């Protein structure tokens, strides 16, 4: 299982990848990667008109991550009145959303989800029950149908 420090390092490396880090020093500088991505966003904003993007992220942890990532890069996430809580809207240049924001979010979310799954499975095994696999799959029972004879009803099995 990955330690918290290893997870943090992996998240930094993902961000450095989208920041376009070239050297090992750039890849390891946590704050510098975020700043380079903010500069990318500002450059794209000068060259392209901002468009409105609507995201539907039902998982609360992933939505929290997406909103934090947007804010980190200077994007203000919002939703219109009466929209579902899972809806997040951003205004940003399409190239930035498609080439940086969304792909980075997907990788970060995948890394965090895998880590949370490992931790959850470990705790369930240790504190609840060691068997954490999915429920068994069994054949469905034969369907029963009602046959009416006169004023009485009888259940009959449907042939297989």
C-alpha atoms as a PDB file:
ATOM      1  CA  UNK A   1       0.000   0.000   0.000  1.00  0.00           C
ATOM      2  CA  UNK A   2       1.220   3.483  -0.879  1.00  0.00           C
ATOM      3  CA  UNK A   3       2.071   5.747   2.053  1.00  0.00           C
ATOM      4  CA  UNK A   4       0.621   9.225   2.338  1.00  0.00           C
ATOM      5  CA  UNK A   5       4.012  10.721   1.441  1.00  0.00           C
ATOM      6  CA  UNK A   6       4.228   8.523  -1.656  1.00  0.00           C
ATOM      7  CA  UNK A   7       0.730   9.594  -2.674  1.00  0.00           C
ATOM      8  CA  UNK A   8       1.632  13.262  -2.250  1.00  0.00           C
ATOM      9  CA  UNK A   9       4.729  12.758  -4.400  1.00  0.00           C
ATOM     10  CA  UNK A  10       2.678  11.025  -7.083  1.00  0.00           C
ATOM     11  CA  UNK A  11       0.185  13.927  -7.124  1.00  0.00           C
ATOM     12  CA  UNK A  12       3.070  16.406  -7.459  1.00  0.00           C
ATOM     13  CA  UNK A  13       4.459  14.429 -10.398  1.00  0.00           C
ATOM     14  CA  UNK A  14       1.083  14.436 -12.139  1.00  0.00           C
ATOM     15  CA  UNK A  15       0.870  18.206 -11.738  1.00  0.00           C
ATOM     16  CA  UNK A  16       4.448  18.617 -12.979  1.00  0.00           C
ATOM     17  CA  UNK A  17       3.559  16.594 -16.075  1.00  0.00           C
ATOM     18  CA  UNK A  18       0.748  19.008 -16.979  1.00  0.00           C
ATOM     19  CA  UNK A  19       2.901  22.002 -16.116  1.00  0.00           C
ATOM     20  CA  UNK A  20       5.406  20.936 -18.740  1.00  0.00           C
ATOM     21  CA  UNK A  21       8.274  20.421 -16.293  1.00  0.00           C
ATOM     22  CA  UNK A  22      11.489  19.619 -18.134  1.00  0.00           C
ATOM     23  CA  UNK A  23      14.149  19.011 -15.497  1.00  0.00           C
ATOM     24  CA  UNK A  24      14.138  16.884 -12.346  1.00  0.00           C
ATOM     25  CA  UNK A  25      14.363  20.073 -10.280  1.00  0.00           C
ATOM     26  CA  UNK A  26      11.253  21.471 -11.959  1.00  0.00           C
ATOM     27  CA  UNK A  27       9.448  18.173 -11.490  1.00  0.00           C
ATOM     28  CA  UNK A  28      10.114  18.185  -7.756  1.00  0.00           C
ATOM     29  CA  UNK A  29       9.192  21.845  -7.135  1.00  0.00           C
ATOM     30  CA  UNK A  30       5.604  21.651  -5.930  1.00  0.00           C
ATOM     31  CA  UNK A  31       4.648  25.326  -6.056  1.00  0.00           C
ATOM     32  CA  UNK A  32       6.451  25.998  -9.320  1.00  0.00           C
ATOM     33  CA  UNK A  33       4.320  23.502 -11.240  1.00  0.00           C
ATOM     34  CA  UNK A  34       1.102  25.173 -10.104  1.00  0.00           C
ATOM     35  CA  UNK A  35       2.494  28.568 -11.086  1.00  0.00           C
ATOM     36  CA  UNK A  36       3.458  27.313 -14.563  1.00  0.00           C
ATOM     37  CA  UNK A  37      -0.061  25.983 -15.050  1.00  0.00           C
ATOM     38  CA  UNK A  38      -1.532  29.336 -13.940  1.00  0.00           C
ATOM     39  CA  UNK A  39       0.667  31.014 -16.567  1.00  0.00           C
ATOM     40  CA  UNK A  40      -0.610  28.517 -19.167  1.00  0.00           C
ATOM     41  CA  UNK A  41      -4.162  29.450 -18.192  1.00  0.00           C
ATOM     42  CA  UNK A  42      -3.437  33.180 -18.437  1.00  0.00           C
ATOM     43  CA  UNK A  43      -1.763  32.773 -21.855  1.00  0.00           C
ATOM     44  CA  UNK A  44      -4.674  30.707 -23.159  1.00  0.00           C
ATOM     45  CA  UNK A  45      -7.092  33.306 -21.756  1.00  0.00           C
ATOM     46  CA  UNK A  46      -5.351  36.054 -23.759  1.00  0.00           C
ATOM     47  CA  UNK A  47      -5.390  34.032 -26.977  1.00  0.00           C
ATOM     48  CA  UNK A  48      -8.844  32.415 -26.748  1.00  0.00           C
ATOM     49  CA  UNK A  49     -12.263  33.476 -25.647  1.00  0.00           C
ATOM     50  CA  UNK A  50     -13.454  31.758 -22.488  1.00  0.00           C
ATOM     51  CA  UNK A  51     -16.208  29.219 -22.964  1.00  0.00           C
ATOM     52  CA  UNK A  52     -18.595  27.802 -20.408  1.00  0.00           C
ATOM     53  CA  UNK A  53     -18.083  24.143 -19.525  1.00  0.00           C
ATOM     54  CA  UNK A  54     -20.556  22.120 -17.504  1.00  0.00           C
ATOM     55  CA  UNK A  55     -19.285  19.120 -15.553  1.00  0.00           C
ATOM     56  CA  UNK A  56     -21.386  16.581 -13.702  1.00  0.00           C
ATOM     57  CA  UNK A  57     -19.307  14.943 -10.982  1.00  0.00           C
ATOM     58  CA  UNK A  58     -21.458  12.790  -8.723  1.00  0.00           C
ATOM     59  CA  UNK A  59     -18.736  11.544  -6.382  1.00  0.00           C
ATOM     60  CA  UNK A  60     -18.335  14.192  -3.635  1.00  0.00           C
ATOM     61  CA  UNK A  61     -14.589  13.525  -3.194  1.00  0.00           C
ATOM     62  CA  UNK A  62     -13.906  13.904  -6.919  1.00  0.00           C
ATOM     63  CA  UNK A  63     -16.056  17.032  -7.100  1.00  0.00           C
ATOM     64  CA  UNK A  64     -14.146  18.517  -4.156  1.00  0.00           C
ATOM     65  CA  UNK A  65     -10.869  17.752  -5.944  1.00  0.00           C
ATOM     66  CA  UNK A  66     -12.072  19.296  -9.223  1.00  0.00           C
ATOM     67  CA  UNK A  67     -13.248  22.488  -7.515  1.00  0.00           C
ATOM     68  CA  UNK A  68      -9.959  22.807  -5.597  1.00  0.00           C
ATOM     69  CA  UNK A  69      -7.960  22.255  -8.804  1.00  0.00           C
ATOM     70  CA  UNK A  70      -9.945  24.964 -10.587  1.00  0.00           C
ATOM     71  CA  UNK A  71      -9.382  27.416  -7.759  1.00  0.00           C
ATOM     72  CA  UNK A  72      -5.677  26.554  -7.638  1.00  0.00           C
ATOM     73  CA  UNK A  73      -5.320  27.754 -11.234  1.00  0.00           C
ATOM     74  CA  UNK A  74      -7.457  30.870 -10.860  1.00  0.00           C
ATOM     75  CA  UNK A  75     -10.700  29.480 -12.286  1.00  0.00           C
ATOM     76  CA  UNK A  76     -13.864  30.239 -10.330  1.00  0.00           C
ATOM     77  CA  UNK A  77     -16.156  27.189 -10.327  1.00  0.00           C
ATOM     78  CA  UNK A  78     -19.881  27.794  -9.814  1.00  0.00           C
ATOM     79  CA  UNK A  79     -23.343  26.454 -10.551  1.00  0.00           C
ATOM     80  CA  UNK A  80     -26.531  28.265 -11.413  1.00  0.00           C
ATOM     81  CA  UNK A  81     -29.433  28.452  -8.986  1.00  0.00           C
ATOM     82  CA  UNK A  82     -31.450  25.225  -8.819  1.00  0.00           C
ATOM     83  CA  UNK A  83     -28.729  23.149 -10.467  1.00  0.00           C
ATOM     84  CA  UNK A  84     -27.859  19.850  -8.851  1.00  0.00           C
ATOM     85  CA  UNK A  85     -25.002  19.871  -6.391  1.00  0.00           C
ATOM     86  CA  UNK A  86     -23.022  17.536  -8.654  1.00  0.00           C
ATOM     87  CA  UNK A  87     -22.950  20.170 -11.402  1.00  0.00           C
ATOM     88  CA  UNK A  88     -19.895  22.405 -11.663  1.00  0.00           C
ATOM     89  CA  UNK A  89     -19.552  25.112 -14.298  1.00  0.00           C
ATOM     90  CA  UNK A  90     -16.329  26.852 -15.248  1.00  0.00           C
ATOM     91  CA  UNK A  91     -15.492  29.574 -17.753  1.00  0.00           C
ATOM     92  CA  UNK A  92     -12.134  28.955 -19.356  1.00  0.00           C
ATOM     93  CA  UNK A  93     -10.420  28.627 -22.730  1.00  0.00           C
ATOM     94  CA  UNK A  94     -11.316  25.311 -24.387  1.00  0.00           C
ATOM     95  CA  UNK A  95      -7.676  24.382 -25.014  1.00  0.00           C
ATOM     96  CA  UNK A  96      -6.828  24.763 -21.328  1.00  0.00           C
ATOM     97  CA  UNK A  97      -9.816  22.687 -20.192  1.00  0.00           C
ATOM     98  CA  UNK A  98      -9.247  19.940 -22.768  1.00  0.00           C
ATOM     99  CA  UNK A  99      -5.461  19.710 -22.632  1.00  0.00           C
ATOM    100  CA  UNK A 100      -4.662  20.540 -19.018  1.00  0.00           C
ATOM    101  CA  UNK A 101      -7.500  20.909 -16.496  1.00  0.00           C
ATOM    102  CA  UNK A 102      -9.643  17.859 -17.272  1.00  0.00           C
ATOM    103  CA  UNK A 103      -6.816  15.376 -18.044  1.00  0.00           C
ATOM    104  CA  UNK A 104      -4.940  16.425 -14.894  1.00  0.00           C
ATOM    105  CA  UNK A 105      -8.119  16.097 -12.838  1.00  0.00           C
ATOM    106  CA  UNK A 106      -8.738  12.593 -14.203  1.00  0.00           C
ATOM    107  CA  UNK A 107      -5.227  11.435 -13.296  1.00  0.00           C
ATOM    108  CA  UNK A 108      -5.323  13.017  -9.842  1.00  0.00           C
ATOM    109  CA  UNK A 109      -8.778  11.589  -9.195  1.00  0.00           C
ATOM    110  CA  UNK A 110      -7.686   8.135 -10.304  1.00  0.00           C
ATOM    111  CA  UNK A 111      -4.644   8.220  -7.985  1.00  0.00           C
ATOM    112  CA  UNK A 112      -6.708   9.403  -5.012  1.00  0.00           C
ATOM    113  CA  UNK A 113      -9.504   6.908  -5.674  1.00  0.00           C
ATOM    114  CA  UNK A 114      -7.027   4.019  -5.814  1.00  0.00           C
ATOM    115  CA  UNK A 115      -5.459   5.163  -2.545  1.00  0.00           C
ATOM    116  CA  UNK A 116      -8.840   5.554  -0.818  1.00  0.00           C
ATOM    117  CA  UNK A 117      -9.882   2.123  -2.082  1.00  0.00           C
ATOM    118  CA  UNK A 118      -6.726   0.541  -0.629  1.00  0.00           C
ATOM    119  CA  UNK A 119      -7.227   2.214   2.743  1.00  0.00           C
ATOM    120  CA  UNK A 120     -10.929   1.333   2.881  1.00  0.00           C
ATOM    121  CA  UNK A 121     -10.303  -2.305   1.955  1.00  0.00           C
ATOM    122  CA  UNK A 122      -7.528  -2.599   4.556  1.00  0.00           C
ATOM    123  CA  UNK A 123      -9.695  -1.175   7.348  1.00  0.00           C
ATOM    124  CA  UNK A 124     -12.697  -3.333   6.431  1.00  0.00           C
ATOM    125  CA  UNK A 125     -10.504  -6.456   6.364  1.00  0.00           C
ATOM    126  CA  UNK A 126      -8.939  -5.643   9.719  1.00  0.00           C
ATOM    127  CA  UNK A 127     -11.976  -4.323  11.596  1.00  0.00           C
ATOM    128  CA  UNK A 128     -15.080  -5.853  10.003  1.00  0.00           C
ATOM    129  CA  UNK A 129     -14.352  -9.048   8.039  1.00  0.00           C
ATOM    130  CA  UNK A 130     -11.423 -10.374   6.037  1.00  0.00           C
ATOM    131  CA  UNK A 131     -13.570 -11.244   3.003  1.00  0.00           C
ATOM    132  CA  UNK A 132     -14.027  -8.039   1.015  1.00  0.00           C
ATOM    133  CA  UNK A 133     -14.763  -9.451  -2.421  1.00  0.00           C
ATOM    134  CA  UNK A 134     -18.043  -8.691  -4.159  1.00  0.00           C
ATOM    135  CA  UNK A 135     -21.239 -10.589  -3.342  1.00  0.00           C
ATOM    136  CA  UNK A 136     -21.637 -14.017  -4.945  1.00  0.00           C
ATOM    137  CA  UNK A 137     -23.561 -14.197  -8.169  1.00  0.00           C
ATOM    138  CA  UNK A 138     -26.281 -16.861  -8.259  1.00  0.00           C
ATOM    139  CA  UNK A 139     -28.838 -17.938 -10.833  1.00  0.00           C
ATOM    140  CA  UNK A 140     -32.209 -16.302 -10.508  1.00  0.00           C
ATOM    141  CA  UNK A 141     -34.965 -18.563  -9.150  1.00  0.00           C
ATOM    142  CA  UNK A 142     -37.608 -19.767 -11.536  1.00  0.00           C
ATOM    143  CA  UNK A 143     -40.404 -17.286 -12.004  1.00  0.00           C
ATOM    144  CA  UNK A 144     -43.769 -18.149 -10.513  1.00  0.00           C
ATOM    145  CA  UNK A 145     -46.962 -17.397 -12.394  1.00  0.00           C
ATOM    146  CA  UNK A 146     -50.514 -17.402 -11.190  1.00  0.00           C
ATOM    147  CA  UNK A 147     -53.003 -19.741 -12.831  1.00  0.00           C
ATOM    148  CA  UNK A 148     -56.675 -19.138 -12.231  1.00  0.00           C
ATOM    149  CA  UNK A 149     -59.069 -22.063 -12.134  1.00  0.00           C
ATOM    150  CA  UNK A 150     -62.577 -21.077 -11.265  1.00  0.00           C
ATOM    151  CA  UNK A 151     -62.487 -18.836  -8.211  1.00  0.00           C
ATOM    152  CA  UNK A 152     -59.118 -20.109  -6.888  1.00  0.00           C
ATOM    153  CA  UNK A 153     -55.584 -19.057  -7.775  1.00  0.00           C
ATOM    154  CA  UNK A 154     -52.673 -21.480  -7.846  1.00  0.00           C
ATOM    155  CA  UNK A 155     -48.982 -20.770  -8.203  1.00  0.00           C
ATOM    156  CA  UNK A 156     -47.247 -22.662 -10.940  1.00  0.00           C
ATOM    157  CA  UNK A 157     -43.568 -22.695 -11.779  1.00  0.00           C
ATOM    158  CA  UNK A 158     -42.682 -21.383 -15.192  1.00  0.00           C
ATOM    159  CA  UNK A 159     -40.772 -24.053 -17.097  1.00  0.00           C
ATOM    160  CA  UNK A 160     -37.049 -23.287 -17.489  1.00  0.00           C
END
